[in-house]
Amino acid sequence: MASELLLDTGAFVALVDRSERRHADCVAVLEGWSGAIVTTEAVLTETLYLLGPQWGSQKVCLEFFARGAFLLAPSSQASLRRVSVLMERYRNVPMDFADATLVALGEELHTDAVFTLDHRGFSAYRLNQRKPFQLVP
């Protein structure tokens, strides 16, 4: 399995929000993963939005980065160009911006493991147009 795990929004929300149906599944993944967990600014923004304006939930979310549990990969001009190509290619799925940033990051890091609850989208997406993702959980 890959050494980096890409973190998607749904799994991140489920980690932070104990009332989420898949919370325990996502906590189990987090506890069992020994490599780096990486995400994008788009996923962080989407997660904070979905958690709502309550500071407590947002603070828990941000603390994952502050303590180094998760790594944040910034966008570059090259990655944003790739995101545009991906969103065009998968417009019928459809692919949102956060998902596109994760696919581009997966290509950049050469990792196919994605921590997601969006099995429909990530089952359709391919790294470099060929390789499917390993979906976790």
C-alpha atoms as a PDB file:
ATOM      1  CA  MET A   1       0.000   0.000   0.000  1.00  0.00           C
ATOM      2  CA  ALA A   2       1.031   3.606  -0.550  1.00  0.00           C
ATOM      3  CA  SER A   3       2.991   5.481   2.093  1.00  0.00           C
ATOM      4  CA  GLU A   4       0.738   8.569   1.825  1.00  0.00           C
ATOM      5  CA  LEU A   5      -3.000   8.547   2.359  1.00  0.00           C
ATOM      6  CA  LEU A   6      -5.035  11.283   0.653  1.00  0.00           C
ATOM      7  CA  LEU A   7      -7.738  12.665   2.956  1.00  0.00           C
ATOM      8  CA  ASP A   8     -11.105  13.589   1.414  1.00  0.00           C
ATOM      9  CA  THR A   9     -13.783  15.837   2.897  1.00  0.00           C
ATOM     10  CA  GLY A  10     -16.386  13.254   3.903  1.00  0.00           C
ATOM     11  CA  ALA A  11     -13.907  11.167   5.875  1.00  0.00           C
ATOM     12  CA  PHE A  12     -12.502  14.315   7.521  1.00  0.00           C
ATOM     13  CA  VAL A  13     -15.969  15.470   8.587  1.00  0.00           C
ATOM     14  CA  ALA A  14     -16.732  11.986   9.947  1.00  0.00           C
ATOM     15  CA  LEU A  15     -13.494  12.025  11.960  1.00  0.00           C
ATOM     16  CA  VAL A  16     -14.373  15.334  13.623  1.00  0.00           C
ATOM     17  CA  ASP A  17     -18.140  14.905  14.033  1.00  0.00           C
ATOM     18  CA  ARG A  18     -18.936  12.033  16.408  1.00  0.00           C
ATOM     19  CA  SER A  19     -22.579  12.045  15.293  1.00  0.00           C
ATOM     20  CA  GLU A  20     -21.624  11.024  11.740  1.00  0.00           C
ATOM     21  CA  ARG A  21     -22.711   7.465  10.850  1.00  0.00           C
ATOM     22  CA  ARG A  22     -19.207   6.468   9.655  1.00  0.00           C
ATOM     23  CA  HIS A  23     -17.311   8.144  12.540  1.00  0.00           C
ATOM     24  CA  ALA A  24     -16.096   4.864  14.108  1.00  0.00           C
ATOM     25  CA  ASP A  25     -14.995   3.470  10.714  1.00  0.00           C
ATOM     26  CA  CYS A  26     -12.971   6.606  10.019  1.00  0.00           C
ATOM     27  CA  VAL A  27     -11.393   6.640  13.481  1.00  0.00           C
ATOM     28  CA  ALA A  28     -10.349   2.998  12.947  1.00  0.00           C
ATOM     29  CA  VAL A  29      -8.652   3.936   9.661  1.00  0.00           C
ATOM     30  CA  LEU A  30      -6.836   6.820  11.337  1.00  0.00           C
ATOM     31  CA  GLU A  31      -5.649   4.612  14.199  1.00  0.00           C
ATOM     32  CA  GLY A  32      -4.457   1.891  11.803  1.00  0.00           C
ATOM     33  CA  TRP A  33      -2.573   4.083   9.314  1.00  0.00           C
ATOM     34  CA  SER A  34       1.157   4.503   9.873  1.00  0.00           C
ATOM     35  CA  GLY A  35       2.120   6.683   6.899  1.00  0.00           C
ATOM     36  CA  ALA A  36       1.564  10.344   6.173  1.00  0.00           C
ATOM     37  CA  ILE A  37      -1.992  11.655   5.745  1.00  0.00           C
ATOM     38  CA  VAL A  38      -2.103  14.492   3.236  1.00  0.00           C
ATOM     39  CA  THR A  39      -4.854  16.747   1.979  1.00  0.00           C
ATOM     40  CA  THR A  40      -5.364  20.005   0.132  1.00  0.00           C
ATOM     41  CA  GLU A  41      -6.486  23.489   1.074  1.00  0.00           C
ATOM     42  CA  ALA A  42      -9.706  22.878  -0.875  1.00  0.00           C
ATOM     43  CA  VAL A  43     -10.543  19.835   1.268  1.00  0.00           C
ATOM     44  CA  LEU A  44      -9.731  21.759   4.447  1.00  0.00           C
ATOM     45  CA  THR A  45     -11.966  24.655   3.373  1.00  0.00           C
ATOM     46  CA  GLU A  46     -14.829  22.346   2.385  1.00  0.00           C
ATOM     47  CA  THR A  47     -14.534  20.443   5.685  1.00  0.00           C
ATOM     48  CA  LEU A  48     -14.584  23.623   7.772  1.00  0.00           C
ATOM     49  CA  TYR A  49     -17.639  24.813   5.853  1.00  0.00           C
ATOM     50  CA  LEU A  50     -19.516  21.524   6.342  1.00  0.00           C
ATOM     51  CA  LEU A  51     -18.686  21.413  10.049  1.00  0.00           C
ATOM     52  CA  GLY A  52     -20.454  24.752  10.432  1.00  0.00           C
ATOM     53  CA  PRO A  53     -19.602  27.914  12.304  1.00  0.00           C
ATOM     54  CA  GLN A  54     -19.107  26.307  15.723  1.00  0.00           C
ATOM     55  CA  TRP A  55     -15.534  27.044  16.806  1.00  0.00           C
ATOM     56  CA  GLY A  56     -15.203  23.768  18.736  1.00  0.00           C
ATOM     57  CA  SER A  57     -15.532  21.589  15.629  1.00  0.00           C
ATOM     58  CA  GLN A  58     -13.391  23.902  13.540  1.00  0.00           C
ATOM     59  CA  LYS A  59     -10.706  23.930  16.239  1.00  0.00           C
ATOM     60  CA  VAL A  60     -10.588  20.105  16.303  1.00  0.00           C
ATOM     61  CA  CYS A  61     -10.211  20.140  12.521  1.00  0.00           C
ATOM     62  CA  LEU A  62      -7.346  22.642  12.564  1.00  0.00           C
ATOM     63  CA  GLU A  63      -5.575  20.886  15.425  1.00  0.00           C
ATOM     64  CA  PHE A  64      -4.955  17.840  13.208  1.00  0.00           C
ATOM     65  CA  PHE A  65      -2.601  20.100  11.188  1.00  0.00           C
ATOM     66  CA  ALA A  66      -1.185  22.036  14.135  1.00  0.00           C
ATOM     67  CA  ARG A  67       0.027  18.831  15.784  1.00  0.00           C
ATOM     68  CA  GLY A  68       1.310  17.351  12.520  1.00  0.00           C
ATOM     69  CA  ALA A  69      -1.186  14.482  12.262  1.00  0.00           C
ATOM     70  CA  PHE A  70      -2.184  15.675   8.779  1.00  0.00           C
ATOM     71  CA  LEU A  71      -0.095  17.495   6.185  1.00  0.00           C
ATOM     72  CA  LEU A  72      -1.471  20.276   4.002  1.00  0.00           C
ATOM     73  CA  ALA A  73      -0.266  20.395   0.401  1.00  0.00           C
ATOM     74  CA  PRO A  74      -0.561  23.879  -1.121  1.00  0.00           C
ATOM     75  CA  SER A  75      -1.748  24.355  -4.681  1.00  0.00           C
ATOM     76  CA  SER A  76       0.708  25.412  -7.356  1.00  0.00           C
ATOM     77  CA  GLN A  77       0.124  26.838 -10.817  1.00  0.00           C
ATOM     78  CA  ALA A  78       0.893  23.424 -12.294  1.00  0.00           C
ATOM     79  CA  SER A  79      -1.509  21.620  -9.951  1.00  0.00           C
ATOM     80  CA  LEU A  80      -4.281  24.129 -10.697  1.00  0.00           C
ATOM     81  CA  ARG A  81      -3.778  23.606 -14.444  1.00  0.00           C
ATOM     82  CA  ARG A  82      -4.074  19.851 -13.826  1.00  0.00           C
ATOM     83  CA  VAL A  83      -7.224  20.412 -11.719  1.00  0.00           C
ATOM     84  CA  SER A  84      -8.819  22.262 -14.649  1.00  0.00           C
ATOM     85  CA  VAL A  85      -8.039  19.381 -17.028  1.00  0.00           C
ATOM     86  CA  LEU A  86      -9.421  16.844 -14.545  1.00  0.00           C
ATOM     87  CA  MET A  87     -12.642  18.773 -13.908  1.00  0.00           C
ATOM     88  CA  GLU A  88     -13.213  18.998 -17.666  1.00  0.00           C
ATOM     89  CA  ARG A  89     -12.536  15.279 -18.147  1.00  0.00           C
ATOM     90  CA  TYR A  90     -14.831  14.206 -15.293  1.00  0.00           C
ATOM     91  CA  ARG A  91     -17.529  16.866 -15.758  1.00  0.00           C
ATOM     92  CA  ASN A  92     -20.187  14.149 -16.168  1.00  0.00           C
ATOM     93  CA  VAL A  93     -19.349  12.388 -12.877  1.00  0.00           C
ATOM     94  CA  PRO A  94     -19.235  15.328 -11.787  1.00  0.00           C
ATOM     95  CA  MET A  95     -15.896  16.127 -10.149  1.00  0.00           C
ATOM     96  CA  ASP A  96     -15.799  19.022  -7.723  1.00  0.00           C
ATOM     97  CA  PHE A  97     -12.771  21.229  -7.100  1.00  0.00           C
ATOM     98  CA  ALA A  98     -11.738  19.497  -3.852  1.00  0.00           C
ATOM     99  CA  ASP A  99     -11.826  16.047  -5.477  1.00  0.00           C
ATOM    100  CA  ALA A 100      -9.823  17.339  -8.433  1.00  0.00           C
ATOM    101  CA  THR A 101      -7.143  18.718  -6.103  1.00  0.00           C
ATOM    102  CA  LEU A 102      -6.848  15.288  -4.450  1.00  0.00           C
ATOM    103  CA  VAL A 103      -6.511  13.477  -7.778  1.00  0.00           C
ATOM    104  CA  ALA A 104      -3.834  15.968  -8.887  1.00  0.00           C
ATOM    105  CA  LEU A 105      -2.054  15.525  -5.539  1.00  0.00           C
ATOM    106  CA  GLY A 106      -2.227  11.745  -5.868  1.00  0.00           C
ATOM    107  CA  GLU A 107      -0.575  12.001  -9.276  1.00  0.00           C
ATOM    108  CA  GLU A 108       2.094  14.318  -7.889  1.00  0.00           C
ATOM    109  CA  LEU A 109       2.856  12.092  -4.876  1.00  0.00           C
ATOM    110  CA  HIS A 110       2.444   8.808  -6.801  1.00  0.00           C
ATOM    111  CA  THR A 111      -0.068   7.542  -4.266  1.00  0.00           C
ATOM    112  CA  ASP A 112      -3.327   5.771  -5.021  1.00  0.00           C
ATOM    113  CA  ALA A 113      -4.722   5.447  -1.475  1.00  0.00           C
ATOM    114  CA  VAL A 114      -7.601   7.801  -0.688  1.00  0.00           C
ATOM    115  CA  PHE A 115      -9.407   8.073   2.651  1.00  0.00           C
ATOM    116  CA  THR A 116     -12.905   8.837   1.381  1.00  0.00           C
ATOM    117  CA  LEU A 117     -16.568   8.107   1.853  1.00  0.00           C
ATOM    118  CA  ASP A 118     -17.192   9.161  -1.778  1.00  0.00           C
ATOM    119  CA  HIS A 119     -16.831   5.741  -3.356  1.00  0.00           C
ATOM    120  CA  ARG A 120     -18.904   6.707  -6.395  1.00  0.00           C
ATOM    121  CA  GLY A 121     -16.580   9.533  -7.423  1.00  0.00           C
ATOM    122  CA  PHE A 122     -13.252   7.982  -6.494  1.00  0.00           C
ATOM    123  CA  SER A 123     -14.207   4.668  -8.135  1.00  0.00           C
ATOM    124  CA  ALA A 124     -14.580   6.592 -11.401  1.00  0.00           C
ATOM    125  CA  TYR A 125     -11.457   8.772 -11.149  1.00  0.00           C
ATOM    126  CA  ARG A 126      -8.135   7.501 -12.480  1.00  0.00           C
ATOM    127  CA  LEU A 127      -4.590   8.604 -11.741  1.00  0.00           C
ATOM    128  CA  ASN A 128      -2.884   9.677 -14.956  1.00  0.00           C
ATOM    129  CA  GLN A 129      -5.984   8.408 -16.827  1.00  0.00           C
ATOM    130  CA  ARG A 130      -5.165   4.761 -15.989  1.00  0.00           C
ATOM    131  CA  LYS A 131      -4.670   3.726 -12.396  1.00  0.00           C
ATOM    132  CA  PRO A 132      -7.699   3.348 -10.082  1.00  0.00           C
ATOM    133  CA  PHE A 133      -7.654   4.535  -6.488  1.00  0.00           C
ATOM    134  CA  GLN A 134      -7.510   2.243  -3.462  1.00  0.00           C
ATOM    135  CA  LEU A 135     -10.494   3.356  -1.400  1.00  0.00           C
ATOM    136  CA  VAL A 136     -10.116   3.476   2.375  1.00  0.00           C
ATOM    137  CA  PRO A 137     -12.264   2.465   4.277  1.00  0.00           C
END
